Amino acid sequence: GRRPVQWAEVFDHFKSALPKETVVHVWRRATNVTQVLELGYNVLRNVGYDNTSWYLDNLNVDWRGVYANDACAGVPSPLCGLVLGGHGEMWGET
């Protein structure tokens, strides 16, 4: 089946009122990934536009650095099973 994916801002506004089948895409450091997981939501992570960036258009990060990222970094071990993985994207302006 299909499951909705919502950006972090949606979780930050609605919190546990979101349907439990929602996958939360945590891309902002301001969103507490542990809180999202403790409420039982699955998570896709990609946080930071720095030397640990998952953004593919951040040319300051070598591809080896992107692949070295751990989607469960900073997540309590019992909750790591709810993390579906990391998410890299590329943004561009035209």
PDB file of N, CA and C in Angstrom:
ATOM      1  N   GLY A   1       0.806  -1.193   0.000  1.00  0.00           N
ATOM      2  CA  GLY A   1       0.000   0.000   0.000  1.00  0.00           C
ATOM      3  C   GLY A   1       0.843   1.248   0.000  1.00  0.00           C
ATOM      4  N   ARG A   2       0.179   2.315  -0.078  1.00  0.00           N
ATOM      5  CA  ARG A   2       0.833   3.626  -0.088  1.00  0.00           C
ATOM      6  C   ARG A   2       0.710   4.288   1.274  1.00  0.00           C
ATOM      7  N   ARG A   3       1.732   5.068   1.585  1.00  0.00           N
ATOM      8  CA  ARG A   3       1.734   5.812   2.844  1.00  0.00           C
ATOM      9  C   ARG A   3       2.081   7.262   2.554  1.00  0.00           C
ATOM     10  N   PRO A   4       1.436   8.198   3.229  1.00  0.00           N
ATOM     11  CA  PRO A   4       1.777   9.602   3.016  1.00  0.00           C
ATOM     12  C   PRO A   4       3.118   9.943   3.657  1.00  0.00           C
ATOM     13  N   VAL A   5       3.852  10.822   3.008  1.00  0.00           N
ATOM     14  CA  VAL A   5       5.096  11.364   3.553  1.00  0.00           C
ATOM     15  C   VAL A   5       4.883  12.865   3.725  1.00  0.00           C
ATOM     16  N   GLN A   6       5.169  13.348   4.921  1.00  0.00           N
ATOM     17  CA  GLN A   6       5.004  14.769   5.215  1.00  0.00           C
ATOM     18  C   GLN A   6       6.329  15.357   5.666  1.00  0.00           C
ATOM     19  N   TRP A   7       6.576  16.587   5.261  1.00  0.00           N
ATOM     20  CA  TRP A   7       7.775  17.270   5.719  1.00  0.00           C
ATOM     21  C   TRP A   7       7.669  17.587   7.199  1.00  0.00           C
ATOM     22  N   ALA A   8       8.809  17.888   7.784  1.00  0.00           N
ATOM     23  CA  ALA A   8       8.911  18.154   9.217  1.00  0.00           C
ATOM     24  C   ALA A   8       7.957  19.257   9.689  1.00  0.00           C
ATOM     25  N   GLU A   9       7.734  20.262   8.854  1.00  0.00           N
ATOM     26  CA  GLU A   9       6.864  21.371   9.265  1.00  0.00           C
ATOM     27  C   GLU A   9       5.450  20.888   9.584  1.00  0.00           C
ATOM     28  N   VAL A  10       4.985  19.884   8.861  1.00  0.00           N
ATOM     29  CA  VAL A  10       3.641  19.349   9.108  1.00  0.00           C
ATOM     30  C   VAL A  10       3.609  18.676  10.477  1.00  0.00           C
ATOM     31  N   PHE A  11       4.646  17.879  10.780  1.00  0.00           N
ATOM     32  CA  PHE A  11       4.717  17.260  12.108  1.00  0.00           C
ATOM     33  C   PHE A  11       4.828  18.335  13.186  1.00  0.00           C
ATOM     34  N   ASP A  12       5.669  19.347  12.967  1.00  0.00           N
ATOM     35  CA  ASP A  12       5.853  20.393  13.977  1.00  0.00           C
ATOM     36  C   ASP A  12       4.535  21.089  14.307  1.00  0.00           C
ATOM     37  N   HIS A  13       3.645  21.176  13.342  1.00  0.00           N
ATOM     38  CA  HIS A  13       2.350  21.830  13.570  1.00  0.00           C
ATOM     39  C   HIS A  13       1.332  20.874  14.207  1.00  0.00           C
ATOM     40  N   PHE A  14       1.212  19.666  13.662  1.00  0.00           N
ATOM     41  CA  PHE A  14       0.141  18.755  14.093  1.00  0.00           C
ATOM     42  C   PHE A  14       0.561  17.747  15.162  1.00  0.00           C
ATOM     43  N   LYS A  15       1.861  17.491  15.285  1.00  0.00           N
ATOM     44  CA  LYS A  15       2.378  16.504  16.247  1.00  0.00           C
ATOM     45  C   LYS A  15       1.623  15.175  16.137  1.00  0.00           C
ATOM     46  N   SER A  16       1.141  14.631  17.255  1.00  0.00           N
ATOM     47  CA  SER A  16       0.545  13.296  17.266  1.00  0.00           C
ATOM     48  C   SER A  16      -0.841  13.232  16.632  1.00  0.00           C
ATOM     49  N   ALA A  17      -1.356  14.351  16.139  1.00  0.00           N
ATOM     50  CA  ALA A  17      -2.650  14.341  15.445  1.00  0.00           C
ATOM     51  C   ALA A  17      -2.517  13.777  14.026  1.00  0.00           C
ATOM     52  N   LEU A  18      -1.285  13.639  13.531  1.00  0.00           N
ATOM     53  CA  LEU A  18      -1.088  13.035  12.216  1.00  0.00           C
ATOM     54  C   LEU A  18      -1.453  11.557  12.270  1.00  0.00           C
ATOM     55  N   PRO A  19      -2.024  11.022  11.199  1.00  0.00           N
ATOM     56  CA  PRO A  19      -2.281   9.576  11.173  1.00  0.00           C
ATOM     57  C   PRO A  19      -0.968   8.811  11.370  1.00  0.00           C
ATOM     58  N   LYS A  20      -1.018   7.714  12.092  1.00  0.00           N
ATOM     59  CA  LYS A  20       0.197   6.961  12.429  1.00  0.00           C
ATOM     60  C   LYS A  20       0.877   6.333  11.220  1.00  0.00           C
ATOM     61  N   GLU A  21       0.179   6.171  10.095  1.00  0.00           N
ATOM     62  CA  GLU A  21       0.839   5.623   8.910  1.00  0.00           C
ATOM     63  C   GLU A  21       1.689   6.669   8.183  1.00  0.00           C
ATOM     64  N   THR A  22       1.661   7.910   8.642  1.00  0.00           N
ATOM     65  CA  THR A  22       2.443   8.977   8.027  1.00  0.00           C
ATOM     66  C   THR A  22       3.932   8.750   8.262  1.00  0.00           C
ATOM     67  N   VAL A  23       4.716   8.932   7.214  1.00  0.00           N
ATOM     68  CA  VAL A  23       6.176   8.936   7.317  1.00  0.00           C
ATOM     69  C   VAL A  23       6.589  10.400   7.398  1.00  0.00           C
ATOM     70  N   VAL A  24       7.399  10.752   8.388  1.00  0.00           N
ATOM     71  CA  VAL A  24       7.825  12.142   8.571  1.00  0.00           C
ATOM     72  C   VAL A  24       9.228  12.307   8.005  1.00  0.00           C
ATOM     73  N   HIS A  25       9.370  13.234   7.058  1.00  0.00           N
ATOM     74  CA  HIS A  25      10.662  13.551   6.444  1.00  0.00           C
ATOM     75  C   HIS A  25      11.300  14.659   7.282  1.00  0.00           C
ATOM     76  N   VAL A  26      12.212  14.258   8.157  1.00  0.00           N
ATOM     77  CA  VAL A  26      12.875  15.216   9.049  1.00  0.00           C
ATOM     78  C   VAL A  26      14.081  15.796   8.320  1.00  0.00           C
ATOM     79  N   TRP A  27      13.975  17.060   7.954  1.00  0.00           N
ATOM     80  CA  TRP A  27      15.056  17.728   7.228  1.00  0.00           C
ATOM     81  C   TRP A  27      15.554  18.965   7.970  1.00  0.00           C
ATOM     82  N   ARG A  28      14.873  19.335   9.048  1.00  0.00           N
ATOM     83  CA  ARG A  28      15.251  20.535   9.803  1.00  0.00           C
ATOM     84  C   ARG A  28      15.825  20.135  11.155  1.00  0.00           C
ATOM     85  N   ARG A  29      16.886  20.802  11.542  1.00  0.00           N
ATOM     86  CA  ARG A  29      17.456  20.526  12.876  1.00  0.00           C
ATOM     87  C   ARG A  29      16.476  20.899  13.985  1.00  0.00           C
ATOM     88  N   ALA A  30      15.577  21.840  13.704  1.00  0.00           N
ATOM     89  CA  ALA A  30      14.610  22.284  14.713  1.00  0.00           C
ATOM     90  C   ALA A  30      13.590  21.207  15.056  1.00  0.00           C
ATOM     91  N   THR A  31      13.404  20.239  14.191  1.00  0.00           N
ATOM     92  CA  THR A  31      12.452  19.157  14.455  1.00  0.00           C
ATOM     93  C   THR A  31      13.151  18.082  15.271  1.00  0.00           C
ATOM     94  N   ASN A  32      12.579  17.742  16.402  1.00  0.00           N
ATOM     95  CA  ASN A  32      13.158  16.759  17.310  1.00  0.00           C
ATOM     96  C   ASN A  32      12.860  15.355  16.798  1.00  0.00           C
ATOM     97  N   VAL A  33      13.840  14.736  16.146  1.00  0.00           N
ATOM     98  CA  VAL A  33      13.630  13.421  15.546  1.00  0.00           C
ATOM     99  C   VAL A  33      13.285  12.372  16.597  1.00  0.00           C
ATOM    100  N   THR A  34      13.841  12.485  17.792  1.00  0.00           N
ATOM    101  CA  THR A  34      13.524  11.529  18.854  1.00  0.00           C
ATOM    102  C   THR A  34      12.053  11.624  19.232  1.00  0.00           C
ATOM    103  N   GLN A  35      11.523  12.834  19.319  1.00  0.00           N
ATOM    104  CA  GLN A  35      10.108  13.006  19.633  1.00  0.00           C
ATOM    105  C   GLN A  35       9.227  12.377  18.550  1.00  0.00           C
ATOM    106  N   VAL A  36       9.591  12.584  17.286  1.00  0.00           N
ATOM    107  CA  VAL A  36       8.826  12.006  16.181  1.00  0.00           C
ATOM    108  C   VAL A  36       8.784  10.480  16.328  1.00  0.00           C
ATOM    109  N   LEU A  37       9.938   9.887  16.586  1.00  0.00           N
ATOM    110  CA  LEU A  37      10.040   8.435  16.715  1.00  0.00           C
ATOM    111  C   LEU A  37       9.318   7.919  17.957  1.00  0.00           C
ATOM    112  N   GLU A  38       9.452   8.632  19.079  1.00  0.00           N
ATOM    113  CA  GLU A  38       8.784   8.210  20.312  1.00  0.00           C
ATOM    114  C   GLU A  38       7.264   8.194  20.150  1.00  0.00           C
ATOM    115  N   LEU A  39       6.745   9.028  19.250  1.00  0.00           N
ATOM    116  CA  LEU A  39       5.302   9.047  18.995  1.00  0.00           C
ATOM    117  C   LEU A  39       4.894   7.944  18.017  1.00  0.00           C
ATOM    118  N   GLY A  40       5.876   7.161  17.549  1.00  0.00           N
ATOM    119  CA  GLY A  40       5.571   5.993  16.736  1.00  0.00           C
ATOM    120  C   GLY A  40       5.599   6.192  15.236  1.00  0.00           C
ATOM    121  N   TYR A  41       6.101   7.334  14.772  1.00  0.00           N
ATOM    122  CA  TYR A  41       6.155   7.594  13.337  1.00  0.00           C
ATOM    123  C   TYR A  41       7.444   7.058  12.727  1.00  0.00           C
ATOM    124  N   ASN A  42       7.362   6.567  11.499  1.00  0.00           N
ATOM    125  CA  ASN A  42       8.569   6.264  10.733  1.00  0.00           C
ATOM    126  C   ASN A  42       9.153   7.575  10.231  1.00  0.00           C
ATOM    127  N   VAL A  43      10.474   7.562  10.028  1.00  0.00           N
ATOM    128  CA  VAL A  43      11.188   8.776   9.655  1.00  0.00           C
ATOM    129  C   VAL A  43      12.112   8.515   8.472  1.00  0.00           C
ATOM    130  N   LEU A  44      12.150   9.480   7.567  1.00  0.00           N
ATOM    131  CA  LEU A  44      13.223   9.624   6.580  1.00  0.00           C
ATOM    132  C   LEU A  44      14.037  10.811   7.046  1.00  0.00           C
ATOM    133  N   ARG A  45      15.360  10.675   7.055  1.00  0.00           N
ATOM    134  CA  ARG A  45      16.199  11.772   7.550  1.00  0.00           C
ATOM    135  C   ARG A  45      17.058  12.360   6.460  1.00  0.00           C
ATOM    136  N   ASN A  46      17.245  13.632   6.556  1.00  0.00           N
ATOM    137  CA  ASN A  46      18.267  14.348   5.826  1.00  0.00           C
ATOM    138  C   ASN A  46      18.360  15.699   6.496  1.00  0.00           C
ATOM    139  N   VAL A  47      19.337  15.837   7.331  1.00  0.00           N
ATOM    140  CA  VAL A  47      19.459  17.037   8.138  1.00  0.00           C
ATOM    141  C   VAL A  47      20.811  17.688   7.872  1.00  0.00           C
ATOM    142  N   GLY A  48      20.780  18.983   7.657  1.00  0.00           N
ATOM    143  CA  GLY A  48      22.013  19.739   7.570  1.00  0.00           C
ATOM    144  C   GLY A  48      22.410  20.122   6.168  1.00  0.00           C
ATOM    145  N   TYR A  49      22.935  21.284   6.076  1.00  0.00           N
ATOM    146  CA  TYR A  49      23.544  21.760   4.835  1.00  0.00           C
ATOM    147  C   TYR A  49      24.935  22.240   5.229  1.00  0.00           C
ATOM    148  N   ASP A  50      25.721  21.282   5.725  1.00  0.00           N
ATOM    149  CA  ASP A  50      27.051  21.581   6.231  1.00  0.00           C
ATOM    150  C   ASP A  50      27.970  20.432   5.841  1.00  0.00           C
ATOM    151  N   ASN A  51      29.023  20.188   6.604  1.00  0.00           N
ATOM    152  CA  ASN A  51      29.970  19.127   6.226  1.00  0.00           C
ATOM    153  C   ASN A  51      29.413  17.716   6.428  1.00  0.00           C
ATOM    154  N   THR A  52      28.212  17.603   7.002  1.00  0.00           N
ATOM    155  CA  THR A  52      27.557  16.302   7.108  1.00  0.00           C
ATOM    156  C   THR A  52      26.299  16.255   6.248  1.00  0.00           C
ATOM    157  N   SER A  53      26.229  17.140   5.291  1.00  0.00           N
ATOM    158  CA  SER A  53      25.035  17.315   4.482  1.00  0.00           C
ATOM    159  C   SER A  53      24.670  16.083   3.675  1.00  0.00           C
ATOM    160  N   TRP A  54      23.377  15.857   3.519  1.00  0.00           N
ATOM    161  CA  TRP A  54      22.854  14.824   2.629  1.00  0.00           C
ATOM    162  C   TRP A  54      22.406  15.450   1.314  1.00  0.00           C
ATOM    163  N   TYR A  55      22.459  16.776   1.228  1.00  0.00           N
ATOM    164  CA  TYR A  55      22.036  17.462   0.013  1.00  0.00           C
ATOM    165  C   TYR A  55      23.067  17.238  -1.089  1.00  0.00           C
ATOM    166  N   LEU A  56      22.599  16.736  -2.219  1.00  0.00           N
ATOM    167  CA  LEU A  56      23.504  16.411  -3.317  1.00  0.00           C
ATOM    168  C   LEU A  56      24.037  17.637  -4.032  1.00  0.00           C
ATOM    169  N   ASP A  57      23.399  18.787  -3.825  1.00  0.00           N
ATOM    170  CA  ASP A  57      23.890  20.012  -4.447  1.00  0.00           C
ATOM    171  C   ASP A  57      24.845  20.788  -3.536  1.00  0.00           C
ATOM    172  N   ASN A  58      25.182  20.240  -2.377  1.00  0.00           N
ATOM    173  CA  ASN A  58      26.173  20.862  -1.499  1.00  0.00           C
ATOM    174  C   ASN A  58      27.547  20.392  -1.978  1.00  0.00           C
ATOM    175  N   LEU A  59      28.154  21.184  -2.819  1.00  0.00           N
ATOM    176  CA  LEU A  59      29.403  20.779  -3.461  1.00  0.00           C
ATOM    177  C   LEU A  59      30.594  20.798  -2.514  1.00  0.00           C
ATOM    178  N   ASN A  60      30.376  21.245  -1.271  1.00  0.00           N
ATOM    179  CA  ASN A  60      31.451  21.235  -0.279  1.00  0.00           C
ATOM    180  C   ASN A  60      31.588  19.877   0.398  1.00  0.00           C
ATOM    181  N   VAL A  61      30.696  18.952   0.080  1.00  0.00           N
ATOM    182  CA  VAL A  61      30.722  17.627   0.692  1.00  0.00           C
ATOM    183  C   VAL A  61      31.034  16.600  -0.383  1.00  0.00           C
ATOM    184  N   ASP A  62      32.074  15.841  -0.165  1.00  0.00           N
ATOM    185  CA  ASP A  62      32.463  14.768  -1.067  1.00  0.00           C
ATOM    186  C   ASP A  62      31.427  13.646  -0.983  1.00  0.00           C
ATOM    187  N   TRP A  63      31.203  12.927  -2.054  1.00  0.00           N
ATOM    188  CA  TRP A  63      30.201  11.851  -2.067  1.00  0.00           C
ATOM    189  C   TRP A  63      30.472  10.805  -1.000  1.00  0.00           C
ATOM    190  N   ARG A  64      31.765  10.600  -0.642  1.00  0.00           N
ATOM    191  CA  ARG A  64      32.076   9.635   0.410  1.00  0.00           C
ATOM    192  C   ARG A  64      31.497  10.097   1.749  1.00  0.00           C
ATOM    193  N   GLY A  65      31.498  11.414   1.953  1.00  0.00           N
ATOM    194  CA  GLY A  65      30.914  11.961   3.177  1.00  0.00           C
ATOM    195  C   GLY A  65      29.408  11.757   3.234  1.00  0.00           C
ATOM    196  N   VAL A  66      28.755  11.885   2.079  1.00  0.00           N
ATOM    197  CA  VAL A  66      27.309  11.666   2.021  1.00  0.00           C
ATOM    198  C   VAL A  66      26.990  10.212   2.354  1.00  0.00           C
ATOM    199  N   TYR A  67      27.728   9.285   1.744  1.00  0.00           N
ATOM    200  CA  TYR A  67      27.476   7.862   1.987  1.00  0.00           C
ATOM    201  C   TYR A  67      27.861   7.435   3.404  1.00  0.00           C
ATOM    202  N   ALA A  68      28.726   8.183   4.063  1.00  0.00           N
ATOM    203  CA  ALA A  68      29.148   7.837   5.421  1.00  0.00           C
ATOM    204  C   ALA A  68      28.115   8.260   6.470  1.00  0.00           C
ATOM    205  N   ASN A  69      27.147   9.074   6.086  1.00  0.00           N
ATOM    206  CA  ASN A  69      26.126   9.505   7.047  1.00  0.00           C
ATOM    207  C   ASN A  69      25.359   8.311   7.586  1.00  0.00           C
ATOM    208  N   ASP A  70      25.034   8.394   8.867  1.00  0.00           N
ATOM    209  CA  ASP A  70      24.266   7.350   9.540  1.00  0.00           C
ATOM    210  C   ASP A  70      22.879   7.899   9.830  1.00  0.00           C
ATOM    211  N   ALA A  71      21.864   7.303   9.241  1.00  0.00           N
ATOM    212  CA  ALA A  71      20.495   7.782   9.431  1.00  0.00           C
ATOM    213  C   ALA A  71      20.047   7.695  10.888  1.00  0.00           C
ATOM    214  N   CYS A  72      20.702   6.871  11.685  1.00  0.00           N
ATOM    215  CA  CYS A  72      20.343   6.725  13.095  1.00  0.00           C
ATOM    216  C   CYS A  72      21.236   7.535  14.033  1.00  0.00           C
ATOM    217  N   ALA A  73      22.103   8.364  13.491  1.00  0.00           N
ATOM    218  CA  ALA A  73      22.986   9.177  14.340  1.00  0.00           C
ATOM    219  C   ALA A  73      22.151  10.033  15.294  1.00  0.00           C
ATOM    220  N   GLY A  74      22.471   9.935  16.573  1.00  0.00           N
ATOM    221  CA  GLY A  74      21.773  10.724  17.576  1.00  0.00           C
ATOM    222  C   GLY A  74      20.414  10.177  17.986  1.00  0.00           C
ATOM    223  N   VAL A  75      20.043   9.034  17.438  1.00  0.00           N
ATOM    224  CA  VAL A  75      18.750   8.412  17.744  1.00  0.00           C
ATOM    225  C   VAL A  75      18.985   7.313  18.776  1.00  0.00           C
ATOM    226  N   PRO A  76      18.181   7.270  19.838  1.00  0.00           N
ATOM    227  CA  PRO A  76      18.329   6.177  20.795  1.00  0.00           C
ATOM    228  C   PRO A  76      18.173   4.819  20.090  1.00  0.00           C
ATOM    229  N   SER A  77      19.034   3.871  20.408  1.00  0.00           N
ATOM    230  CA  SER A  77      19.049   2.572  19.734  1.00  0.00           C
ATOM    231  C   SER A  77      17.685   1.892  19.642  1.00  0.00           C
ATOM    232  N   PRO A  78      16.861   1.890  20.706  1.00  0.00           N
ATOM    233  CA  PRO A  78      15.568   1.206  20.596  1.00  0.00           C
ATOM    234  C   PRO A  78      14.633   1.818  19.543  1.00  0.00           C
ATOM    235  N   LEU A  79      14.884   3.072  19.157  1.00  0.00           N
ATOM    236  CA  LEU A  79      14.015   3.752  18.196  1.00  0.00           C
ATOM    237  C   LEU A  79      14.545   3.677  16.766  1.00  0.00           C
ATOM    238  N   CYS A  80      15.762   3.217  16.602  1.00  0.00           N
ATOM    239  CA  CYS A  80      16.394   3.221  15.280  1.00  0.00           C
ATOM    240  C   CYS A  80      15.618   2.382  14.260  1.00  0.00           C
ATOM    241  N   GLY A  81      14.909   1.379  14.703  1.00  0.00           N
ATOM    242  CA  GLY A  81      14.130   0.550  13.788  1.00  0.00           C
ATOM    243  C   GLY A  81      13.012   1.300  13.090  1.00  0.00           C
ATOM    244  N   LEU A  82      12.624   2.460  13.619  1.00  0.00           N
ATOM    245  CA  LEU A  82      11.583   3.269  12.987  1.00  0.00           C
ATOM    246  C   LEU A  82      12.145   4.206  11.923  1.00  0.00           C
ATOM    247  N   VAL A  83      13.472   4.321  11.856  1.00  0.00           N
ATOM    248  CA  VAL A  83      14.106   5.165  10.839  1.00  0.00           C
ATOM    249  C   VAL A  83      14.210   4.346   9.560  1.00  0.00           C
ATOM    250  N   LEU A  84      13.539   4.801   8.511  1.00  0.00           N
ATOM    251  CA  LEU A  84      13.533   4.074   7.245  1.00  0.00           C
ATOM    252  C   LEU A  84      14.826   4.275   6.469  1.00  0.00           C
ATOM    253  N   GLY A  85      15.525   5.369   6.726  1.00  0.00           N
ATOM    254  CA  GLY A  85      16.782   5.632   6.047  1.00  0.00           C
ATOM    255  C   GLY A  85      16.995   7.110   5.828  1.00  0.00           C
ATOM    256  N   GLY A  86      18.035   7.384   5.060  1.00  0.00           N
ATOM    257  CA  GLY A  86      18.357   8.765   4.737  1.00  0.00           C
ATOM    258  C   GLY A  86      17.786   9.160   3.397  1.00  0.00           C
ATOM    259  N   HIS A  87      17.752  10.446   3.160  1.00  0.00           N
ATOM    260  CA  HIS A  87      17.156  10.965   1.930  1.00  0.00           C
ATOM    261  C   HIS A  87      18.052  12.091   1.427  1.00  0.00           C
ATOM    262  N   GLY A  88      18.593  11.898   0.250  1.00  0.00           N
ATOM    263  CA  GLY A  88      19.394  12.949  -0.372  1.00  0.00           C
ATOM    264  C   GLY A  88      18.610  13.594  -1.478  1.00  0.00           C
ATOM    265  N   GLU A  89      18.718  14.882  -1.588  1.00  0.00           N
ATOM    266  CA  GLU A  89      18.046  15.571  -2.680  1.00  0.00           C
ATOM    267  C   GLU A  89      18.920  16.680  -3.228  1.00  0.00           C
ATOM    268  N   MET A  90      18.542  17.183  -4.343  1.00  0.00           N
ATOM    269  CA  MET A  90      19.271  18.273  -4.972  1.00  0.00           C
ATOM    270  C   MET A  90      18.261  19.364  -5.319  1.00  0.00           C
ATOM    271  N   TRP A  91      18.578  20.585  -4.921  1.00  0.00           N
ATOM    272  CA  TRP A  91      17.723  21.731  -5.220  1.00  0.00           C
ATOM    273  C   TRP A  91      18.427  22.589  -6.247  1.00  0.00           C
ATOM    274  N   GLY A  92      17.663  23.202  -7.072  1.00  0.00           N
ATOM    275  CA  GLY A  92      18.227  24.111  -8.066  1.00  0.00           C
ATOM    276  C   GLY A  92      17.287  25.271  -8.314  1.00  0.00           C
ATOM    277  N   GLU A  93      17.845  26.352  -8.733  1.00  0.00           N
ATOM    278  CA  GLU A  93      17.060  27.531  -9.069  1.00  0.00           C
ATOM    279  C   GLU A  93      17.189  27.777 -10.559  1.00  0.00           C
ATOM    280  N   THR A  94      16.089  28.047 -11.196  1.00  0.00           N
ATOM    281  CA  THR A  94      16.138  28.344 -12.636  1.00  0.00           C
ATOM    282  C   THR A  94      15.519  29.693 -12.912  1.00  0.00           C
TER     283      THR A  94
END
